[in-house]
Amino acid sequence: EVGSSENLFVLRALGYALASAGDLDQARAILHQLEEAGFDWMPGLYVALGEEEEAVTQFEAAFAARRDALLEVRCNPDWEQLREVPRIREIAQAIGFPAGKI
């Protein structure tokens, strides 16, 4: 069943892998499935699809909701290119990471 949380995480990973491999159509199809299922934490997939603004928007929503997943901002390789985005740096500082250390 697509809607189970375990399957949603697997689908997200598959979407990321497909987007990273250049199969953007398939990755977007998976993104659509995830969105329809109500899955709302996919910044890495958005980055892989080249949709940085949507990834940042997800970070902002996660910050507002106090999601613990934000603690990965310093170590998750999927988010590497987001670490220099000023809005992401502000969020990182707001959750306690020292300036310049993300």
N, C-alpha and C. Protein backbone atom coordinates (compact mmCIF):
# COMPACT_ATOMS: atom_id res chain seq x y z
N GLU A 1 0.85 -1.18 0.00
CA GLU A 1 0.00 0.00 0.00
C GLU A 1 0.89 1.24 0.00
N VAL A 2 0.67 2.14 -0.94
CA VAL A 2 1.48 3.34 -1.08
C VAL A 2 1.41 4.21 0.17
N GLY A 3 0.26 4.27 0.82
CA GLY A 3 0.06 5.18 1.93
C GLY A 3 0.74 4.82 3.23
N SER A 4 1.30 3.62 3.36
CA SER A 4 1.97 3.28 4.61
C SER A 4 3.24 4.09 4.74
N SER A 5 3.58 4.48 5.97
CA SER A 5 4.72 5.36 6.16
C SER A 5 6.02 4.73 5.67
N GLU A 6 6.18 3.43 5.85
CA GLU A 6 7.38 2.75 5.38
C GLU A 6 7.50 2.86 3.86
N ASN A 7 6.41 2.63 3.16
CA ASN A 7 6.43 2.72 1.70
C ASN A 7 6.68 4.14 1.22
N LEU A 8 6.18 5.12 1.96
CA LEU A 8 6.39 6.52 1.56
C LEU A 8 7.86 6.89 1.64
N PHE A 9 8.55 6.41 2.67
CA PHE A 9 9.98 6.69 2.78
C PHE A 9 10.76 6.00 1.66
N VAL A 10 10.35 4.78 1.32
CA VAL A 10 11.00 4.07 0.22
C VAL A 10 10.74 4.79 -1.10
N LEU A 11 9.51 5.22 -1.31
CA LEU A 11 9.18 5.97 -2.53
C LEU A 11 9.98 7.26 -2.63
N ARG A 12 10.11 7.96 -1.50
CA ARG A 12 10.91 9.19 -1.50
C ARG A 12 12.35 8.90 -1.92
N ALA A 13 12.92 7.84 -1.38
CA ALA A 13 14.29 7.47 -1.73
C ALA A 13 14.40 7.10 -3.21
N LEU A 14 13.41 6.38 -3.71
CA LEU A 14 13.40 6.01 -5.13
C LEU A 14 13.29 7.26 -6.00
N GLY A 15 12.41 8.17 -5.63
CA GLY A 15 12.27 9.42 -6.37
C GLY A 15 13.57 10.19 -6.41
N TYR A 16 14.25 10.25 -5.28
CA TYR A 16 15.54 10.95 -5.21
C TYR A 16 16.57 10.27 -6.13
N ALA A 17 16.63 8.95 -6.08
CA ALA A 17 17.59 8.21 -6.91
C ALA A 17 17.29 8.44 -8.39
N LEU A 18 16.02 8.38 -8.76
CA LEU A 18 15.65 8.60 -10.17
C LEU A 18 16.00 10.02 -10.62
N ALA A 19 15.68 11.00 -9.79
CA ALA A 19 15.99 12.38 -10.15
C ALA A 19 17.50 12.58 -10.26
N SER A 20 18.25 12.00 -9.34
CA SER A 20 19.71 12.12 -9.37
C SER A 20 20.30 11.46 -10.61
N ALA A 21 19.63 10.42 -11.10
CA ALA A 21 20.09 9.71 -12.30
C ALA A 21 19.59 10.37 -13.59
N GLY A 22 18.80 11.42 -13.44
CA GLY A 22 18.32 12.15 -14.61
C GLY A 22 16.96 11.75 -15.12
N ASP A 23 16.30 10.81 -14.47
CA ASP A 23 14.97 10.38 -14.90
C ASP A 23 13.93 11.26 -14.20
N LEU A 24 13.85 12.50 -14.64
CA LEU A 24 13.02 13.49 -13.98
C LEU A 24 11.53 13.20 -14.10
N ASP A 25 11.11 12.64 -15.22
CA ASP A 25 9.69 12.34 -15.38
C ASP A 25 9.22 11.30 -14.36
N GLN A 26 9.99 10.24 -14.21
CA GLN A 26 9.63 9.21 -13.23
C GLN A 26 9.69 9.77 -11.81
N ALA A 27 10.71 10.58 -11.54
CA ALA A 27 10.85 11.17 -10.21
C ALA A 27 9.67 12.09 -9.90
N ARG A 28 9.23 12.86 -10.89
CA ARG A 28 8.07 13.74 -10.68
C ARG A 28 6.79 12.93 -10.48
N ALA A 29 6.67 11.79 -11.14
CA ALA A 29 5.51 10.92 -10.94
C ALA A 29 5.49 10.42 -9.50
N ILE A 30 6.64 10.07 -8.98
CA ILE A 30 6.73 9.62 -7.59
C ILE A 30 6.43 10.78 -6.65
N LEU A 31 6.96 11.96 -6.96
CA LEU A 31 6.66 13.14 -6.16
C LEU A 31 5.15 13.37 -6.08
N HIS A 32 4.48 13.22 -7.20
CA HIS A 32 3.04 13.40 -7.24
C HIS A 32 2.34 12.37 -6.34
N GLN A 33 2.79 11.12 -6.39
CA GLN A 33 2.22 10.08 -5.52
C GLN A 33 2.41 10.44 -4.06
N LEU A 34 3.59 10.90 -3.72
CA LEU A 34 3.87 11.26 -2.33
C LEU A 34 3.00 12.42 -1.87
N GLU A 35 2.85 13.41 -2.73
CA GLU A 35 2.00 14.56 -2.39
C GLU A 35 0.55 14.13 -2.20
N GLU A 36 0.06 13.26 -3.08
CA GLU A 36 -1.31 12.77 -2.97
C GLU A 36 -1.53 11.98 -1.68
N ALA A 37 -0.48 11.31 -1.22
CA ALA A 37 -0.57 10.53 0.01
C ALA A 37 -0.40 11.41 1.26
N GLY A 38 -0.13 12.70 1.05
CA GLY A 38 0.01 13.61 2.17
C GLY A 38 1.40 13.64 2.78
N PHE A 39 2.37 13.04 2.11
CA PHE A 39 3.75 13.05 2.61
C PHE A 39 4.30 14.44 2.41
N ASP A 40 4.84 15.04 3.46
CA ASP A 40 5.21 16.45 3.39
C ASP A 40 6.65 16.76 3.75
N TRP A 41 7.55 15.77 3.70
CA TRP A 41 8.94 16.05 4.03
C TRP A 41 9.83 15.44 2.97
N MET A 42 10.10 16.25 1.91
CA MET A 42 10.86 15.75 0.76
C MET A 42 11.87 16.78 0.24
N PRO A 43 12.57 17.49 1.11
CA PRO A 43 13.48 18.51 0.58
C PRO A 43 14.56 17.94 -0.33
N GLY A 44 15.07 16.77 -0.01
CA GLY A 44 16.10 16.16 -0.85
C GLY A 44 15.60 15.85 -2.25
N LEU A 45 14.38 15.36 -2.34
CA LEU A 45 13.79 15.07 -3.64
C LEU A 45 13.60 16.36 -4.44
N TYR A 46 13.13 17.40 -3.78
CA TYR A 46 12.98 18.68 -4.47
C TYR A 46 14.33 19.22 -4.95
N VAL A 47 15.37 19.07 -4.14
CA VAL A 47 16.71 19.50 -4.55
C VAL A 47 17.15 18.72 -5.79
N ALA A 48 16.97 17.41 -5.76
CA ALA A 48 17.38 16.56 -6.89
C ALA A 48 16.61 16.92 -8.16
N LEU A 49 15.39 17.40 -8.00
CA LEU A 49 14.58 17.82 -9.15
C LEU A 49 14.90 19.25 -9.59
N GLY A 50 15.79 19.91 -8.86
CA GLY A 50 16.15 21.28 -9.20
C GLY A 50 15.15 22.32 -8.69
N GLU A 51 14.32 21.92 -7.75
CA GLU A 51 13.29 22.81 -7.19
C GLU A 51 13.72 23.29 -5.81
N GLU A 52 14.79 24.06 -5.79
CA GLU A 52 15.38 24.52 -4.53
C GLU A 52 14.40 25.34 -3.70
N GLU A 53 13.63 26.19 -4.35
CA GLU A 53 12.69 27.04 -3.62
C GLU A 53 11.68 26.21 -2.84
N GLU A 54 11.18 25.14 -3.43
CA GLU A 54 10.23 24.27 -2.72
C GLU A 54 10.91 23.56 -1.56
N ALA A 55 12.17 23.17 -1.74
CA ALA A 55 12.91 22.54 -0.64
C ALA A 55 13.06 23.52 0.52
N VAL A 56 13.38 24.76 0.23
CA VAL A 56 13.52 25.77 1.28
C VAL A 56 12.18 26.00 1.97
N THR A 57 11.11 26.03 1.19
CA THR A 57 9.77 26.20 1.77
C THR A 57 9.46 25.06 2.74
N GLN A 58 9.87 23.84 2.39
CA GLN A 58 9.66 22.72 3.29
C GLN A 58 10.46 22.88 4.58
N PHE A 59 11.66 23.40 4.48
CA PHE A 59 12.45 23.66 5.68
C PHE A 59 11.77 24.69 6.56
N GLU A 60 11.24 25.74 5.96
CA GLU A 60 10.57 26.77 6.73
C GLU A 60 9.34 26.21 7.44
N ALA A 61 8.57 25.38 6.76
CA ALA A 61 7.39 24.75 7.37
C ALA A 61 7.82 23.80 8.49
N ALA A 62 8.90 23.08 8.28
CA ALA A 62 9.40 22.16 9.31
C ALA A 62 9.88 22.94 10.53
N PHE A 63 10.49 24.08 10.30
CA PHE A 63 10.93 24.92 11.42
C PHE A 63 9.72 25.40 12.22
N ALA A 64 8.71 25.86 11.52
CA ALA A 64 7.49 26.34 12.19
C ALA A 64 6.82 25.22 12.99
N ALA A 65 6.91 24.00 12.48
CA ALA A 65 6.30 22.85 13.14
C ALA A 65 7.24 22.19 14.16
N ARG A 66 8.46 22.71 14.26
CA ARG A 66 9.48 22.17 15.18
C ARG A 66 9.80 20.70 14.92
N ARG A 67 9.97 20.37 13.66
CA ARG A 67 10.29 18.98 13.28
C ARG A 67 11.74 18.68 13.61
N ASP A 68 11.97 17.54 14.22
CA ASP A 68 13.33 17.16 14.57
C ASP A 68 14.18 16.80 13.36
N ALA A 69 13.58 16.56 12.23
CA ALA A 69 14.34 16.24 11.01
C ALA A 69 15.29 17.37 10.62
N LEU A 70 15.01 18.58 11.08
CA LEU A 70 15.89 19.70 10.76
C LEU A 70 17.29 19.53 11.33
N LEU A 71 17.43 18.71 12.34
CA LEU A 71 18.74 18.51 12.94
C LEU A 71 19.73 17.89 11.96
N GLU A 72 19.22 17.33 10.88
CA GLU A 72 20.09 16.73 9.86
C GLU A 72 20.66 17.77 8.90
N VAL A 73 20.32 19.02 9.07
CA VAL A 73 20.73 20.05 8.11
C VAL A 73 22.24 20.10 7.93
N ARG A 74 22.99 19.77 8.96
CA ARG A 74 24.45 19.81 8.87
C ARG A 74 25.06 18.56 8.25
N CYS A 75 24.32 17.45 8.26
CA CYS A 75 24.96 16.19 7.86
C CYS A 75 24.31 15.46 6.68
N ASN A 76 23.09 15.81 6.32
CA ASN A 76 22.42 15.09 5.25
C ASN A 76 23.01 15.53 3.90
N PRO A 77 23.67 14.62 3.19
CA PRO A 77 24.30 15.01 1.92
C PRO A 77 23.31 15.45 0.85
N ASP A 78 22.05 15.03 0.97
CA ASP A 78 21.04 15.43 0.00
C ASP A 78 20.78 16.93 0.03
N TRP A 79 21.10 17.56 1.14
CA TRP A 79 20.81 18.98 1.34
C TRP A 79 22.04 19.86 1.21
N GLU A 80 23.13 19.31 0.74
CA GLU A 80 24.41 20.04 0.66
C GLU A 80 24.26 21.41 0.01
N GLN A 81 23.62 21.47 -1.13
CA GLN A 81 23.55 22.74 -1.85
C GLN A 81 22.65 23.75 -1.15
N LEU A 82 21.82 23.30 -0.22
CA LEU A 82 20.95 24.23 0.50
C LEU A 82 21.67 24.94 1.64
N ARG A 83 22.80 24.43 2.06
CA ARG A 83 23.48 24.98 3.23
C ARG A 83 23.96 26.41 3.05
N GLU A 84 24.08 26.84 1.84
CA GLU A 84 24.52 28.22 1.58
C GLU A 84 23.34 29.17 1.34
N VAL A 85 22.14 28.66 1.31
CA VAL A 85 20.95 29.49 1.11
C VAL A 85 20.71 30.29 2.39
N PRO A 86 20.65 31.62 2.30
CA PRO A 86 20.51 32.44 3.51
C PRO A 86 19.33 32.03 4.40
N ARG A 87 18.20 31.68 3.84
CA ARG A 87 17.05 31.29 4.67
C ARG A 87 17.32 29.99 5.44
N ILE A 88 18.06 29.08 4.83
CA ILE A 88 18.42 27.83 5.52
C ILE A 88 19.42 28.13 6.62
N ARG A 89 20.38 29.00 6.36
CA ARG A 89 21.36 29.39 7.37
C ARG A 89 20.66 30.04 8.57
N GLU A 90 19.65 30.85 8.31
CA GLU A 90 18.90 31.48 9.40
C GLU A 90 18.18 30.44 10.24
N ILE A 91 17.58 29.46 9.58
CA ILE A 91 16.89 28.39 10.30
C ILE A 91 17.90 27.61 11.15
N ALA A 92 19.04 27.28 10.56
CA ALA A 92 20.07 26.53 11.29
C ALA A 92 20.52 27.29 12.53
N GLN A 93 20.71 28.58 12.40
CA GLN A 93 21.11 29.39 13.56
C GLN A 93 19.99 29.45 14.59
N ALA A 94 18.75 29.53 14.11
CA ALA A 94 17.61 29.61 15.03
C ALA A 94 17.43 28.33 15.85
N ILE A 95 17.86 27.18 15.30
CA ILE A 95 17.74 25.94 16.06
C ILE A 95 18.99 25.64 16.86
N GLY A 96 19.98 26.55 16.79
CA GLY A 96 21.12 26.42 17.68
C GLY A 96 22.46 26.10 17.05
N PHE A 97 22.54 25.96 15.74
CA PHE A 97 23.83 25.72 15.12
C PHE A 97 24.59 27.04 15.03
N PRO A 98 25.88 27.02 15.32
CA PRO A 98 26.66 28.26 15.25
C PRO A 98 26.70 28.81 13.82
N ALA A 99 26.77 30.11 13.72
CA ALA A 99 26.87 30.75 12.39
C ALA A 99 28.10 30.20 11.67
N GLY A 100 27.92 29.89 10.39
CA GLY A 100 29.02 29.41 9.58
C GLY A 100 29.38 27.96 9.79
N LYS A 101 28.62 27.23 10.59
CA LYS A 101 28.96 25.83 10.89
C LYS A 101 27.98 24.82 10.32
N ILE A 102 27.22 25.22 9.29
CA ILE A 102 26.34 24.22 8.71
C ILE A 102 26.85 23.76 7.38
